[in-house]
């Protein structure tokens, strides 16, 4: 993959992670378990694709 494609993928992953974390913060105020699960989802959403990119290079 070229550098531009990797940069676009990283930007999309960061956007999805930030969006999920902000929703997790909002949910955490009312539903603690749901907020924690959204934080875990955000971590998986960002780390797993970055790991796959790391293995591909």
Protein backbone atom coordinates (compact mmCIF):
# COMPACT_ATOMS: atom_id res chain seq x y z
CA UNK A 1 0.00 0.00 0.00
CA UNK A 2 1.23 3.45 -0.71
CA UNK A 3 1.61 6.11 1.94
CA UNK A 4 -1.46 8.06 0.85
CA UNK A 5 -3.74 5.05 1.22
CA UNK A 6 -2.33 4.26 4.67
CA UNK A 7 -2.83 7.87 5.72
CA UNK A 8 -6.46 7.82 4.56
CA UNK A 9 -7.09 4.55 6.43
CA UNK A 10 -5.52 5.92 9.63
CA UNK A 11 -7.60 9.11 9.41
CA UNK A 12 -10.79 7.08 8.94
CA UNK A 13 -9.90 4.85 11.88
CA UNK A 14 -9.22 7.83 14.12
CA UNK A 15 -12.52 9.42 13.12
CA UNK A 16 -14.42 6.21 13.87
CA UNK A 17 -12.59 5.83 17.19
CA UNK A 18 -13.25 9.41 18.29
CA UNK A 19 -16.91 9.14 17.30
CA UNK A 20 -17.31 5.87 19.21
CA UNK A 21 -15.55 7.21 22.32
CA UNK A 22 -17.70 10.33 22.36
CA UNK A 23 -20.82 8.18 22.14
CA UNK A 24 -19.37 5.98 24.90
CA UNK A 25 -18.93 9.02 27.16
CA UNK A 26 -22.51 10.07 26.51
CA UNK A 27 -23.78 6.55 27.21
CA UNK A 28 -21.60 6.10 30.29
CA UNK A 29 -23.56 8.79 32.15
CA UNK A 30 -26.75 6.73 32.06
CA UNK A 31 -25.59 3.17 31.43
CA UNK A 32 -22.19 2.24 32.89
CA UNK A 33 -21.94 -1.22 31.31
CA UNK A 34 -22.96 0.08 27.91
CA UNK A 35 -20.40 2.89 28.09
CA UNK A 36 -17.62 0.49 29.02
CA UNK A 37 -18.55 -1.84 26.18
CA UNK A 38 -18.46 1.10 23.76
CA UNK A 39 -14.96 2.00 24.98
CA UNK A 40 -13.88 -1.59 24.34
CA UNK A 41 -15.48 -1.43 20.90
CA UNK A 42 -13.59 1.79 20.14
CA UNK A 43 -10.28 0.20 21.09
CA UNK A 44 -10.95 -2.86 18.95
CA UNK A 45 -12.20 -0.67 16.11
CA UNK A 46 -8.88 1.19 15.99
CA UNK A 47 -6.29 -1.37 17.11
CA UNK A 48 -7.30 -4.38 15.02
CA UNK A 49 -7.12 -2.68 11.59
CA UNK A 50 -3.88 -0.93 12.55
CA UNK A 51 -2.44 -4.31 13.55
CA UNK A 52 -3.46 -5.75 10.19
CA UNK A 53 -1.82 -2.80 8.42
CA UNK A 54 1.34 -3.40 10.47
CA UNK A 55 1.45 -7.06 9.41
CA UNK A 56 0.93 -6.17 5.75
CA UNK A 57 3.92 -3.82 5.55
